Amino acid sequence: MDTLFGLPAHPLLVHIPVVLIPTALMAAVLALWPRVRYAAAVTAAAFALAGAVGAYLAIEAGEKLQEEVRETELVEEHAEQGDTVELPAIAFALLALAGAAAAETTRRRALRSAGRPPAAESTVPPASEPASPTVATDGRVALRGSGAASWLPAIVLCASVLAGAVATYTLVEVGHSGAKATWSDLDSARSGSGGDGSEGQGDDDDD
């Protein structure tokens, strides 16, 4: 994908990861709160996956654009840093998907347990059974206790938050280098035109 709407595709495609990956990071942070964990985890997974795809497309389009622009040290630096975005973005997407899957598994287990009738012999569940759920009046299901199953989504989501932070930081660094590479040409053009004008003025004064 070299162009979009007659314009170079790279400057347009970079907006996909720049917007979606930090948004996915914020959703992953919200998912650490059990009250909104499922919805936030699914949102984080969807945005992180779309952001990773956008990062891949932007990198591919950037390589095409690099062949058509004037090669400078800043352009080479930006191209090298751009390649470092792909792996953190993919890692974030995979961990966010794992967090959403863990949250969904825990939610389904809690819903199944909520519909199970109590034991006839005793109201206290055996130690080997998972913690019994409580059903709120608004339909939410929460697990009493601190079983491994209830903590698994939080652990995976913590890892996805770290991966998202790394991916977001990498995006900021790459965006900064891209801005320097873009504006350096404009600064050079301005300096060149200013230099020509001053030389011309000097010649007039000599005359």
N, C-alpha and C. Protein backbone atom coordinates (compact mmCIF):
# COMPACT_ATOMS: atom_id res chain seq x y z
N MET A 1 0.85 -1.18 0.00
CA MET A 1 0.00 0.00 0.00
C MET A 1 0.89 1.24 0.00
N ASP A 2 1.09 1.82 -1.19
CA ASP A 2 1.98 2.97 -1.32
C ASP A 2 1.27 4.29 -1.10
N THR A 3 0.03 4.41 -1.61
CA THR A 3 -0.68 5.67 -1.54
C THR A 3 -2.12 5.44 -1.06
N LEU A 4 -2.69 6.50 -0.48
CA LEU A 4 -4.09 6.53 -0.09
C LEU A 4 -4.67 7.88 -0.51
N PHE A 5 -5.72 7.84 -1.33
CA PHE A 5 -6.36 9.07 -1.79
C PHE A 5 -5.37 10.00 -2.49
N GLY A 6 -4.41 9.39 -3.21
CA GLY A 6 -3.43 10.17 -3.94
C GLY A 6 -2.30 10.71 -3.10
N LEU A 7 -2.26 10.37 -1.81
CA LEU A 7 -1.21 10.84 -0.91
C LEU A 7 -0.37 9.66 -0.44
N PRO A 8 0.88 9.90 -0.01
CA PRO A 8 1.68 8.81 0.55
C PRO A 8 0.94 8.15 1.71
N ALA A 9 0.91 6.84 1.74
CA ALA A 9 0.13 6.12 2.73
C ALA A 9 0.74 6.18 4.13
N HIS A 10 2.06 6.26 4.21
CA HIS A 10 2.71 6.17 5.52
C HIS A 10 2.25 7.24 6.50
N PRO A 11 2.24 8.53 6.14
CA PRO A 11 1.80 9.54 7.12
C PRO A 11 0.35 9.36 7.57
N LEU A 12 -0.47 8.71 6.75
CA LEU A 12 -1.86 8.48 7.12
C LEU A 12 -1.99 7.23 7.99
N LEU A 13 -1.27 6.17 7.63
CA LEU A 13 -1.40 4.91 8.36
C LEU A 13 -0.82 4.98 9.77
N VAL A 14 0.16 5.86 9.98
CA VAL A 14 0.76 5.92 11.31
C VAL A 14 -0.25 6.38 12.37
N HIS A 15 -1.32 7.04 11.94
CA HIS A 15 -2.31 7.48 12.91
C HIS A 15 -3.06 6.31 13.54
N ILE A 16 -3.08 5.15 12.87
CA ILE A 16 -3.79 3.99 13.43
C ILE A 16 -3.12 3.52 14.72
N PRO A 17 -1.83 3.17 14.71
CA PRO A 17 -1.21 2.76 15.98
C PRO A 17 -1.06 3.90 16.96
N VAL A 18 -0.83 5.12 16.47
CA VAL A 18 -0.64 6.25 17.38
C VAL A 18 -1.89 6.51 18.22
N VAL A 19 -3.06 6.27 17.64
CA VAL A 19 -4.31 6.48 18.37
C VAL A 19 -4.73 5.23 19.13
N LEU A 20 -4.68 4.07 18.49
CA LEU A 20 -5.28 2.87 19.06
C LEU A 20 -4.43 2.22 20.16
N ILE A 21 -3.12 2.22 20.01
CA ILE A 21 -2.30 1.55 21.02
C ILE A 21 -2.35 2.26 22.37
N PRO A 22 -2.19 3.60 22.44
CA PRO A 22 -2.37 4.25 23.75
C PRO A 22 -3.78 4.09 24.31
N THR A 23 -4.79 4.09 23.42
CA THR A 23 -6.16 3.88 23.89
C THR A 23 -6.32 2.48 24.46
N ALA A 24 -5.73 1.49 23.80
CA ALA A 24 -5.77 0.12 24.32
C ALA A 24 -5.05 0.02 25.66
N LEU A 25 -3.98 0.77 25.82
CA LEU A 25 -3.26 0.77 27.09
C LEU A 25 -4.16 1.31 28.21
N MET A 26 -4.87 2.39 27.95
CA MET A 26 -5.78 2.93 28.96
C MET A 26 -6.89 1.93 29.31
N ALA A 27 -7.40 1.23 28.30
CA ALA A 27 -8.43 0.22 28.56
C ALA A 27 -7.86 -0.93 29.39
N ALA A 28 -6.62 -1.32 29.11
CA ALA A 28 -5.99 -2.40 29.88
C ALA A 28 -5.80 -1.99 31.34
N VAL A 29 -5.46 -0.73 31.56
CA VAL A 29 -5.33 -0.24 32.93
C VAL A 29 -6.69 -0.29 33.64
N LEU A 30 -7.75 0.13 32.94
CA LEU A 30 -9.09 0.06 33.52
C LEU A 30 -9.51 -1.37 33.84
N ALA A 31 -9.03 -2.31 33.02
CA ALA A 31 -9.40 -3.72 33.22
C ALA A 31 -8.83 -4.29 34.51
N LEU A 32 -7.87 -3.62 35.12
CA LEU A 32 -7.36 -4.07 36.41
C LEU A 32 -8.40 -3.88 37.51
N TRP A 33 -9.41 -3.06 37.25
CA TRP A 33 -10.50 -2.86 38.21
C TRP A 33 -11.53 -3.97 37.98
N PRO A 34 -11.75 -4.85 38.94
CA PRO A 34 -12.64 -6.01 38.71
C PRO A 34 -14.06 -5.63 38.28
N ARG A 35 -14.56 -4.49 38.70
CA ARG A 35 -15.93 -4.12 38.39
C ARG A 35 -16.17 -3.96 36.89
N VAL A 36 -15.16 -3.52 36.15
CA VAL A 36 -15.31 -3.31 34.69
C VAL A 36 -14.32 -4.17 33.91
N ARG A 37 -13.82 -5.22 34.53
CA ARG A 37 -12.71 -5.99 33.93
C ARG A 37 -13.06 -6.57 32.57
N TYR A 38 -14.20 -7.22 32.47
CA TYR A 38 -14.52 -7.92 31.23
C TYR A 38 -14.64 -6.95 30.05
N ALA A 39 -15.46 -5.92 30.21
CA ALA A 39 -15.66 -4.97 29.11
C ALA A 39 -14.37 -4.25 28.74
N ALA A 40 -13.60 -3.84 29.74
CA ALA A 40 -12.35 -3.12 29.45
C ALA A 40 -11.32 -4.05 28.82
N ALA A 41 -11.27 -5.31 29.25
CA ALA A 41 -10.31 -6.25 28.67
C ALA A 41 -10.62 -6.53 27.21
N VAL A 42 -11.89 -6.69 26.89
CA VAL A 42 -12.28 -6.93 25.49
C VAL A 42 -11.95 -5.69 24.64
N THR A 43 -12.22 -4.49 25.17
CA THR A 43 -11.90 -3.26 24.44
C THR A 43 -10.40 -3.15 24.22
N ALA A 44 -9.62 -3.43 25.25
CA ALA A 44 -8.15 -3.37 25.11
C ALA A 44 -7.66 -4.34 24.05
N ALA A 45 -8.22 -5.55 24.04
CA ALA A 45 -7.78 -6.55 23.06
C ALA A 45 -8.10 -6.10 21.64
N ALA A 46 -9.31 -5.58 21.43
CA ALA A 46 -9.71 -5.15 20.09
C ALA A 46 -8.84 -4.00 19.60
N PHE A 47 -8.61 -3.01 20.45
CA PHE A 47 -7.81 -1.85 20.04
C PHE A 47 -6.34 -2.22 19.86
N ALA A 48 -5.82 -3.07 20.74
CA ALA A 48 -4.41 -3.46 20.61
C ALA A 48 -4.17 -4.26 19.34
N LEU A 49 -5.12 -5.14 19.00
CA LEU A 49 -4.97 -5.92 17.77
C LEU A 49 -5.02 -5.02 16.54
N ALA A 50 -5.98 -4.09 16.51
CA ALA A 50 -6.06 -3.16 15.38
C ALA A 50 -4.82 -2.26 15.33
N GLY A 51 -4.31 -1.86 16.49
CA GLY A 51 -3.11 -1.04 16.51
C GLY A 51 -1.89 -1.77 15.99
N ALA A 52 -1.78 -3.08 16.31
CA ALA A 52 -0.65 -3.87 15.81
C ALA A 52 -0.72 -4.02 14.29
N VAL A 53 -1.93 -4.26 13.77
CA VAL A 53 -2.09 -4.33 12.31
C VAL A 53 -1.74 -3.00 11.67
N GLY A 54 -2.19 -1.90 12.28
CA GLY A 54 -1.86 -0.58 11.75
C GLY A 54 -0.37 -0.31 11.77
N ALA A 55 0.31 -0.76 12.84
CA ALA A 55 1.75 -0.57 12.92
C ALA A 55 2.47 -1.32 11.81
N TYR A 56 2.03 -2.54 11.54
CA TYR A 56 2.63 -3.32 10.45
C TYR A 56 2.43 -2.63 9.10
N LEU A 57 1.21 -2.16 8.84
CA LEU A 57 0.94 -1.49 7.57
C LEU A 57 1.75 -0.20 7.45
N ALA A 58 1.88 0.54 8.55
CA ALA A 58 2.64 1.79 8.51
C ALA A 58 4.11 1.53 8.24
N ILE A 59 4.66 0.47 8.84
CA ILE A 59 6.06 0.13 8.59
C ILE A 59 6.29 -0.24 7.13
N GLU A 60 5.38 -1.06 6.58
CA GLU A 60 5.52 -1.46 5.18
C GLU A 60 5.43 -0.25 4.26
N ALA A 61 4.47 0.65 4.53
CA ALA A 61 4.33 1.85 3.70
C ALA A 61 5.53 2.77 3.87
N GLY A 62 6.10 2.80 5.09
CA GLY A 62 7.27 3.64 5.32
C GLY A 62 8.48 3.18 4.54
N GLU A 63 8.63 1.87 4.39
CA GLU A 63 9.75 1.36 3.60
C GLU A 63 9.61 1.76 2.13
N LYS A 64 8.38 1.76 1.63
CA LYS A 64 8.16 2.21 0.26
C LYS A 64 8.46 3.70 0.12
N LEU A 65 8.01 4.48 1.11
CA LEU A 65 8.22 5.92 1.05
C LEU A 65 9.70 6.27 1.16
N GLN A 66 10.45 5.49 1.91
CA GLN A 66 11.88 5.75 2.08
C GLN A 66 12.63 5.69 0.75
N GLU A 67 12.14 4.85 -0.17
CA GLU A 67 12.79 4.74 -1.47
C GLU A 67 12.57 5.96 -2.35
N GLU A 68 11.58 6.79 -1.98
CA GLU A 68 11.22 7.91 -2.84
C GLU A 68 11.65 9.27 -2.30
N VAL A 69 12.08 9.31 -1.04
CA VAL A 69 12.47 10.59 -0.45
C VAL A 69 13.98 10.70 -0.41
N ARG A 70 14.44 11.92 -0.17
CA ARG A 70 15.88 12.15 -0.09
C ARG A 70 16.45 11.48 1.15
N GLU A 71 17.48 10.67 0.95
CA GLU A 71 18.06 9.90 2.05
C GLU A 71 18.93 10.80 2.91
N THR A 72 18.60 10.93 4.17
CA THR A 72 19.39 11.69 5.13
C THR A 72 19.63 10.84 6.37
N GLU A 73 20.48 11.34 7.25
CA GLU A 73 20.77 10.61 8.48
C GLU A 73 19.52 10.50 9.35
N LEU A 74 18.72 11.57 9.38
CA LEU A 74 17.51 11.55 10.19
C LEU A 74 16.47 10.58 9.63
N VAL A 75 16.39 10.50 8.30
CA VAL A 75 15.46 9.56 7.68
C VAL A 75 15.87 8.12 7.99
N GLU A 76 17.15 7.84 7.91
CA GLU A 76 17.64 6.50 8.22
C GLU A 76 17.38 6.15 9.68
N GLU A 77 17.59 7.13 10.56
CA GLU A 77 17.34 6.90 11.99
C GLU A 77 15.86 6.60 12.23
N HIS A 78 14.99 7.35 11.58
CA HIS A 78 13.56 7.13 11.74
C HIS A 78 13.15 5.76 11.20
N ALA A 79 13.71 5.35 10.08
CA ALA A 79 13.38 4.05 9.51
C ALA A 79 13.83 2.91 10.43
N GLU A 80 15.02 3.06 11.02
CA GLU A 80 15.51 2.02 11.93
C GLU A 80 14.65 1.94 13.19
N GLN A 81 14.27 3.10 13.73
CA GLN A 81 13.42 3.09 14.93
C GLN A 81 12.02 2.57 14.61
N GLY A 82 11.54 2.83 13.39
CA GLY A 82 10.22 2.36 13.03
C GLY A 82 10.10 0.85 13.08
N ASP A 83 11.17 0.15 12.77
CA ASP A 83 11.13 -1.32 12.82
C ASP A 83 11.00 -1.85 14.25
N THR A 84 11.35 -1.01 15.24
CA THR A 84 11.29 -1.48 16.63
C THR A 84 9.87 -1.43 17.20
N VAL A 85 8.93 -0.87 16.46
CA VAL A 85 7.55 -0.75 16.96
C VAL A 85 6.80 -2.07 16.82
N GLU A 86 7.13 -2.84 15.80
CA GLU A 86 6.32 -4.00 15.44
C GLU A 86 6.24 -5.04 16.55
N LEU A 87 7.37 -5.45 17.11
CA LEU A 87 7.37 -6.50 18.13
C LEU A 87 6.63 -6.09 19.41
N PRO A 88 6.89 -4.88 19.97
CA PRO A 88 6.10 -4.50 21.15
C PRO A 88 4.61 -4.41 20.87
N ALA A 89 4.23 -3.95 19.68
CA ALA A 89 2.82 -3.87 19.33
C ALA A 89 2.18 -5.26 19.25
N ILE A 90 2.89 -6.21 18.65
CA ILE A 90 2.37 -7.57 18.55
C ILE A 90 2.29 -8.22 19.93
N ALA A 91 3.33 -8.00 20.76
CA ALA A 91 3.31 -8.57 22.11
C ALA A 91 2.15 -8.00 22.93
N PHE A 92 1.91 -6.72 22.80
CA PHE A 92 0.79 -6.10 23.50
C PHE A 92 -0.54 -6.68 23.04
N ALA A 93 -0.69 -6.86 21.73
CA ALA A 93 -1.93 -7.42 21.20
C ALA A 93 -2.16 -8.84 21.71
N LEU A 94 -1.11 -9.67 21.72
CA LEU A 94 -1.26 -11.05 22.17
C LEU A 94 -1.60 -11.12 23.65
N LEU A 95 -0.94 -10.30 24.46
CA LEU A 95 -1.22 -10.31 25.89
C LEU A 95 -2.60 -9.74 26.19
N ALA A 96 -3.01 -8.73 25.44
CA ALA A 96 -4.35 -8.18 25.64
C ALA A 96 -5.42 -9.21 25.25
N LEU A 97 -5.18 -9.95 24.18
CA LEU A 97 -6.10 -11.03 23.81
C LEU A 97 -6.14 -12.11 24.88
N ALA A 98 -4.99 -12.46 25.43
CA ALA A 98 -4.95 -13.45 26.50
C ALA A 98 -5.70 -12.96 27.73
N GLY A 99 -5.55 -11.68 28.06
CA GLY A 99 -6.27 -11.12 29.19
C GLY A 99 -7.77 -11.14 28.98
N ALA A 100 -8.21 -10.82 27.77
CA ALA A 100 -9.64 -10.87 27.47
C ALA A 100 -10.17 -12.30 27.54
N ALA A 101 -9.38 -13.26 27.04
CA ALA A 101 -9.80 -14.66 27.11
C ALA A 101 -9.89 -15.15 28.55
N ALA A 102 -8.92 -14.75 29.38
CA ALA A 102 -8.96 -15.15 30.78
C ALA A 102 -10.15 -14.53 31.51
N ALA A 103 -10.44 -13.26 31.21
CA ALA A 103 -11.59 -12.61 31.82
C ALA A 103 -12.89 -13.27 31.39
N GLU A 104 -12.97 -13.67 30.12
CA GLU A 104 -14.18 -14.34 29.63
C GLU A 104 -14.33 -15.72 30.28
N THR A 105 -13.24 -16.45 30.43
CA THR A 105 -13.31 -17.76 31.06
C THR A 105 -13.77 -17.65 32.51
N THR A 106 -13.22 -16.67 33.23
CA THR A 106 -13.62 -16.47 34.62
C THR A 106 -15.08 -16.06 34.72
N ARG A 107 -15.52 -15.23 33.81
CA ARG A 107 -16.92 -14.79 33.82
C ARG A 107 -17.86 -15.97 33.56
N ARG A 108 -17.54 -16.81 32.59
CA ARG A 108 -18.40 -17.96 32.29
C ARG A 108 -18.43 -18.95 33.46
N ARG A 109 -17.26 -19.15 34.09
CA ARG A 109 -17.22 -20.08 35.24
C ARG A 109 -18.08 -19.54 36.38
N ALA A 110 -18.03 -18.25 36.60
CA ALA A 110 -18.82 -17.65 37.67
C ALA A 110 -20.32 -17.75 37.37
N LEU A 111 -20.69 -17.54 36.11
CA LEU A 111 -22.11 -17.64 35.75
C LEU A 111 -22.62 -19.07 35.91
N ARG A 112 -21.79 -20.06 35.52
CA ARG A 112 -22.21 -21.46 35.70
C ARG A 112 -22.34 -21.81 37.18
N SER A 113 -21.40 -21.31 37.98
CA SER A 113 -21.46 -21.59 39.40
C SER A 113 -22.65 -20.92 40.05
N ALA A 114 -23.05 -19.76 39.54
CA ALA A 114 -24.18 -19.04 40.13
C ALA A 114 -25.48 -19.81 39.95
N GLY A 115 -25.59 -20.61 38.90
CA GLY A 115 -26.80 -21.38 38.67
C GLY A 115 -26.80 -22.74 39.30
N ARG A 116 -25.74 -23.14 40.03
CA ARG A 116 -25.65 -24.47 40.63
C ARG A 116 -26.38 -24.48 41.97
N PRO A 117 -27.24 -25.46 42.24
CA PRO A 117 -27.95 -25.51 43.52
C PRO A 117 -27.00 -25.84 44.66
N PRO A 118 -27.29 -25.36 45.86
CA PRO A 118 -26.40 -25.65 46.99
C PRO A 118 -26.44 -27.12 47.37
N ALA A 119 -25.40 -27.58 48.01
CA ALA A 119 -25.32 -28.99 48.43
C ALA A 119 -26.31 -29.25 49.54
N ALA A 120 -26.90 -30.46 49.56
CA ALA A 120 -27.93 -30.78 50.55
C ALA A 120 -27.34 -31.04 51.92
N GLU A 121 -26.14 -31.63 51.95
CA GLU A 121 -25.57 -32.02 53.23
C GLU A 121 -25.00 -30.83 54.00
N SER A 122 -24.38 -29.93 53.30
CA SER A 122 -23.70 -28.84 54.01
C SER A 122 -23.74 -27.60 53.16
N THR A 123 -23.84 -26.47 53.84
CA THR A 123 -23.82 -25.18 53.11
C THR A 123 -22.42 -24.67 52.91
N VAL A 124 -21.42 -25.31 53.49
CA VAL A 124 -20.02 -24.88 53.35
C VAL A 124 -19.38 -25.72 52.26
N PRO A 125 -18.88 -25.11 51.18
CA PRO A 125 -18.27 -25.90 50.10
C PRO A 125 -16.95 -26.48 50.54
N PRO A 126 -16.59 -27.66 50.01
CA PRO A 126 -15.29 -28.25 50.33
C PRO A 126 -14.16 -27.34 49.87
N ALA A 127 -12.99 -27.54 50.49
CA ALA A 127 -11.84 -26.69 50.17
C ALA A 127 -11.39 -26.88 48.74
N SER A 128 -11.66 -28.05 48.14
CA SER A 128 -11.19 -28.31 46.78
C SER A 128 -12.04 -27.62 45.73
N GLU A 129 -13.27 -27.18 46.11
CA GLU A 129 -14.15 -26.55 45.14
C GLU A 129 -13.84 -25.07 45.02
N PRO A 130 -14.14 -24.47 43.85
CA PRO A 130 -13.90 -23.04 43.70
C PRO A 130 -14.80 -22.24 44.62
N ALA A 131 -14.39 -21.00 44.90
CA ALA A 131 -15.17 -20.14 45.78
C ALA A 131 -16.54 -19.90 45.20
N SER A 132 -17.55 -19.90 46.06
CA SER A 132 -18.91 -19.71 45.59
C SER A 132 -19.15 -18.28 45.18
N PRO A 133 -19.96 -18.05 44.13
CA PRO A 133 -20.17 -16.70 43.65
C PRO A 133 -21.31 -16.03 44.38
N THR A 134 -21.32 -14.73 44.31
CA THR A 134 -22.46 -13.94 44.76
C THR A 134 -22.99 -13.19 43.57
N VAL A 135 -24.30 -13.14 43.45
CA VAL A 135 -24.94 -12.49 42.32
C VAL A 135 -25.53 -11.18 42.80
N ALA A 136 -25.09 -10.06 42.22
CA ALA A 136 -25.61 -8.75 42.60
C ALA A 136 -26.98 -8.56 41.99
N THR A 137 -27.70 -7.55 42.51
CA THR A 137 -29.05 -7.29 42.03
C THR A 137 -29.08 -6.84 40.59
N ASP A 138 -27.99 -6.27 40.09
CA ASP A 138 -27.96 -5.82 38.71
C ASP A 138 -27.43 -6.88 37.75
N GLY A 139 -27.24 -8.10 38.23
CA GLY A 139 -26.84 -9.19 37.34
C GLY A 139 -25.36 -9.46 37.32
N ARG A 140 -24.55 -8.63 37.98
CA ARG A 140 -23.11 -8.88 37.99
C ARG A 140 -22.80 -10.08 38.86
N VAL A 141 -21.74 -10.78 38.49
CA VAL A 141 -21.34 -11.97 39.24
C VAL A 141 -19.94 -11.73 39.76
N ALA A 142 -19.77 -11.94 41.06
CA ALA A 142 -18.44 -11.76 41.65
C ALA A 142 -18.10 -13.01 42.44
N LEU A 143 -16.82 -13.36 42.48
CA LEU A 143 -16.37 -14.55 43.20
C LEU A 143 -15.92 -14.15 44.60
N ARG A 144 -16.40 -14.89 45.59
CA ARG A 144 -15.89 -14.71 46.94
C ARG A 144 -14.62 -15.54 47.07
N GLY A 145 -13.65 -15.00 47.75
CA GLY A 145 -12.41 -15.72 47.91
C GLY A 145 -11.37 -15.21 46.93
N SER A 146 -10.23 -15.87 46.93
CA SER A 146 -9.11 -15.43 46.10
C SER A 146 -8.49 -16.63 45.40
N GLY A 147 -9.31 -17.36 44.66
CA GLY A 147 -8.81 -18.51 43.93
C GLY A 147 -7.91 -18.11 42.79
N ALA A 148 -7.13 -19.09 42.30
CA ALA A 148 -6.20 -18.80 41.21
C ALA A 148 -6.95 -18.36 39.96
N ALA A 149 -8.15 -18.94 39.73
CA ALA A 149 -8.89 -18.59 38.53
C ALA A 149 -9.31 -17.13 38.52
N SER A 150 -9.65 -16.59 39.70
CA SER A 150 -10.09 -15.20 39.75
C SER A 150 -8.93 -14.24 39.61
N TRP A 151 -7.72 -14.66 39.94
CA TRP A 151 -6.55 -13.80 39.83
C TRP A 151 -5.86 -13.90 38.48
N LEU A 152 -6.14 -14.93 37.70
CA LEU A 152 -5.45 -15.10 36.43
C LEU A 152 -5.64 -13.92 35.48
N PRO A 153 -6.86 -13.41 35.27
CA PRO A 153 -7.00 -12.26 34.37
C PRO A 153 -6.20 -11.06 34.82
N ALA A 154 -6.16 -10.81 36.13
CA ALA A 154 -5.41 -9.65 36.63
C ALA A 154 -3.92 -9.80 36.35
N ILE A 155 -3.40 -11.02 36.51
CA ILE A 155 -1.97 -11.24 36.25
C ILE A 155 -1.65 -11.01 34.78
N VAL A 156 -2.47 -11.58 33.90
CA VAL A 156 -2.22 -11.42 32.46
C VAL A 156 -2.39 -9.96 32.05
N LEU A 157 -3.39 -9.28 32.61
CA LEU A 157 -3.62 -7.89 32.26
C LEU A 157 -2.50 -6.98 32.76
N CYS A 158 -1.91 -7.31 33.90
CA CYS A 158 -0.74 -6.55 34.36
C CYS A 158 0.41 -6.66 33.35
N ALA A 159 0.60 -7.88 32.83
CA ALA A 159 1.63 -8.06 31.80
C ALA A 159 1.29 -7.30 30.54
N SER A 160 0.00 -7.26 30.17
CA SER A 160 -0.38 -6.51 28.97
C SER A 160 -0.20 -5.01 29.17
N VAL A 161 -0.42 -4.53 30.40
CA VAL A 161 -0.19 -3.11 30.67
C VAL A 161 1.28 -2.75 30.48
N LEU A 162 2.16 -3.61 30.96
CA LEU A 162 3.60 -3.37 30.77
C LEU A 162 3.97 -3.38 29.29
N ALA A 163 3.43 -4.35 28.55
CA ALA A 163 3.72 -4.41 27.11
C ALA A 163 3.15 -3.19 26.40
N GLY A 164 1.96 -2.76 26.80
CA GLY A 164 1.36 -1.57 26.19
C GLY A 164 2.14 -0.32 26.48
N ALA A 165 2.70 -0.23 27.70
CA ALA A 165 3.52 0.93 28.04
C ALA A 165 4.79 0.97 27.18
N VAL A 166 5.39 -0.20 26.98
CA VAL A 166 6.59 -0.26 26.13
C VAL A 166 6.24 0.12 24.69
N ALA A 167 5.13 -0.41 24.18
CA ALA A 167 4.72 -0.10 22.81
C ALA A 167 4.41 1.38 22.65
N THR A 168 3.75 1.98 23.64
CA THR A 168 3.42 3.40 23.57
C THR A 168 4.68 4.25 23.62
N TYR A 169 5.62 3.91 24.50
CA TYR A 169 6.88 4.65 24.58
C TYR A 169 7.64 4.56 23.26
N THR A 170 7.66 3.37 22.67
CA THR A 170 8.35 3.20 21.38
C THR A 170 7.69 4.05 20.30
N LEU A 171 6.36 4.12 20.31
CA LEU A 171 5.66 4.96 19.34
C LEU A 171 6.04 6.42 19.49
N VAL A 172 6.14 6.88 20.74
CA VAL A 172 6.50 8.29 20.98
C VAL A 172 7.90 8.58 20.44
N GLU A 173 8.83 7.66 20.71
CA GLU A 173 10.20 7.84 20.22
C GLU A 173 10.26 7.87 18.70
N VAL A 174 9.54 6.95 18.07
CA VAL A 174 9.54 6.89 16.60
C VAL A 174 8.86 8.12 16.02
N GLY A 175 7.77 8.54 16.62
CA GLY A 175 7.09 9.74 16.13
C GLY A 175 7.96 10.97 16.24
N HIS A 176 8.72 11.06 17.32
CA HIS A 176 9.62 12.21 17.49
C HIS A 176 10.71 12.22 16.42
N SER A 177 11.27 11.04 16.14
CA SER A 177 12.31 10.98 15.10
C SER A 177 11.73 11.28 13.73
N GLY A 178 10.47 10.84 13.48
CA GLY A 178 9.84 11.14 12.21
C GLY A 178 9.57 12.62 12.05
N ALA A 179 9.17 13.29 13.14
CA ALA A 179 8.94 14.73 13.07
C ALA A 179 10.25 15.47 12.79
N LYS A 180 11.33 15.04 13.42
CA LYS A 180 12.63 15.68 13.17
C LYS A 180 13.05 15.49 11.72
N ALA A 181 12.84 14.27 11.19
CA ALA A 181 13.22 14.01 9.80
C ALA A 181 12.40 14.85 8.83
N THR A 182 11.13 15.07 9.15
CA THR A 182 10.26 15.85 8.26
C THR A 182 10.59 17.33 8.30
N TRP A 183 10.72 17.87 9.50
CA TRP A 183 10.92 19.30 9.63
C TRP A 183 12.35 19.74 9.35
N SER A 184 13.30 18.80 9.38
CA SER A 184 14.68 19.18 9.07
C SER A 184 14.80 19.64 7.62
N ASP A 185 14.04 18.99 6.69
CA ASP A 185 14.07 19.42 5.30
C ASP A 185 13.50 20.82 5.16
N LEU A 186 12.43 21.11 5.90
CA LEU A 186 11.84 22.45 5.82
C LEU A 186 12.78 23.49 6.39
N ASP A 187 13.43 23.17 7.51
CA ASP A 187 14.39 24.10 8.09
C ASP A 187 15.56 24.35 7.14
N SER A 188 16.01 23.28 6.47
CA SER A 188 17.11 23.44 5.51
C SER A 188 16.69 24.33 4.35
N ALA A 189 15.46 24.12 3.87
CA ALA A 189 14.97 24.95 2.77
C ALA A 189 14.86 26.41 3.18
N ARG A 190 14.39 26.65 4.39
CA ARG A 190 14.29 28.03 4.87
C ARG A 190 15.66 28.66 5.03
N SER A 191 16.60 27.88 5.57
CA SER A 191 17.95 28.40 5.74
C SER A 191 18.60 28.70 4.40
N GLY A 192 18.34 27.80 3.43
CA GLY A 192 18.91 28.03 2.10
C GLY A 192 18.35 29.26 1.44
N SER A 193 17.04 29.46 1.54
CA SER A 193 16.43 30.64 0.92
C SER A 193 16.87 31.91 1.62
N GLY A 194 17.02 31.81 2.97
CA GLY A 194 17.48 32.98 3.70
C GLY A 194 18.90 33.33 3.34
N GLY A 195 19.71 32.28 3.16
CA GLY A 195 21.09 32.54 2.79
C GLY A 195 21.19 33.17 1.42
N ASP A 196 20.38 32.74 0.46
CA ASP A 196 20.43 33.33 -0.87
C ASP A 196 20.02 34.79 -0.83
N GLY A 197 18.98 35.06 0.00
CA GLY A 197 18.51 36.43 0.06
C GLY A 197 19.53 37.35 0.65
N SER A 198 20.24 36.90 1.66
CA SER A 198 21.24 37.77 2.29
C SER A 198 22.41 38.00 1.37
N GLU A 199 22.77 36.96 0.60
CA GLU A 199 23.88 37.16 -0.33
C GLU A 199 23.50 38.17 -1.40
N GLY A 200 22.22 38.07 -1.88
CA GLY A 200 21.80 39.02 -2.89
C GLY A 200 21.79 40.43 -2.38
N GLN A 201 21.42 40.63 -1.09
CA GLN A 201 21.37 41.94 -0.53
C GLN A 201 22.78 42.50 -0.39
N GLY A 202 23.72 41.60 -0.05
CA GLY A 202 25.09 42.02 0.06
C GLY A 202 25.65 42.47 -1.27
N ASP A 203 25.27 41.80 -2.36
CA ASP A 203 25.75 42.19 -3.68
C ASP A 203 25.21 43.55 -4.04
N ASP A 204 23.94 43.84 -3.70
CA ASP A 204 23.38 45.14 -4.03
C ASP A 204 24.09 46.24 -3.27
N ASP A 205 24.45 45.98 -2.02
CA ASP A 205 25.14 47.00 -1.24
C ASP A 205 26.51 47.28 -1.83
N ASP A 206 27.17 46.18 -2.31
CA ASP A 206 28.50 46.41 -2.91
C ASP A 206 28.40 47.25 -4.15
N ASP A 207 27.28 47.04 -4.94
CA ASP A 207 27.15 47.83 -6.15
C ASP A 207 26.91 49.29 -5.81
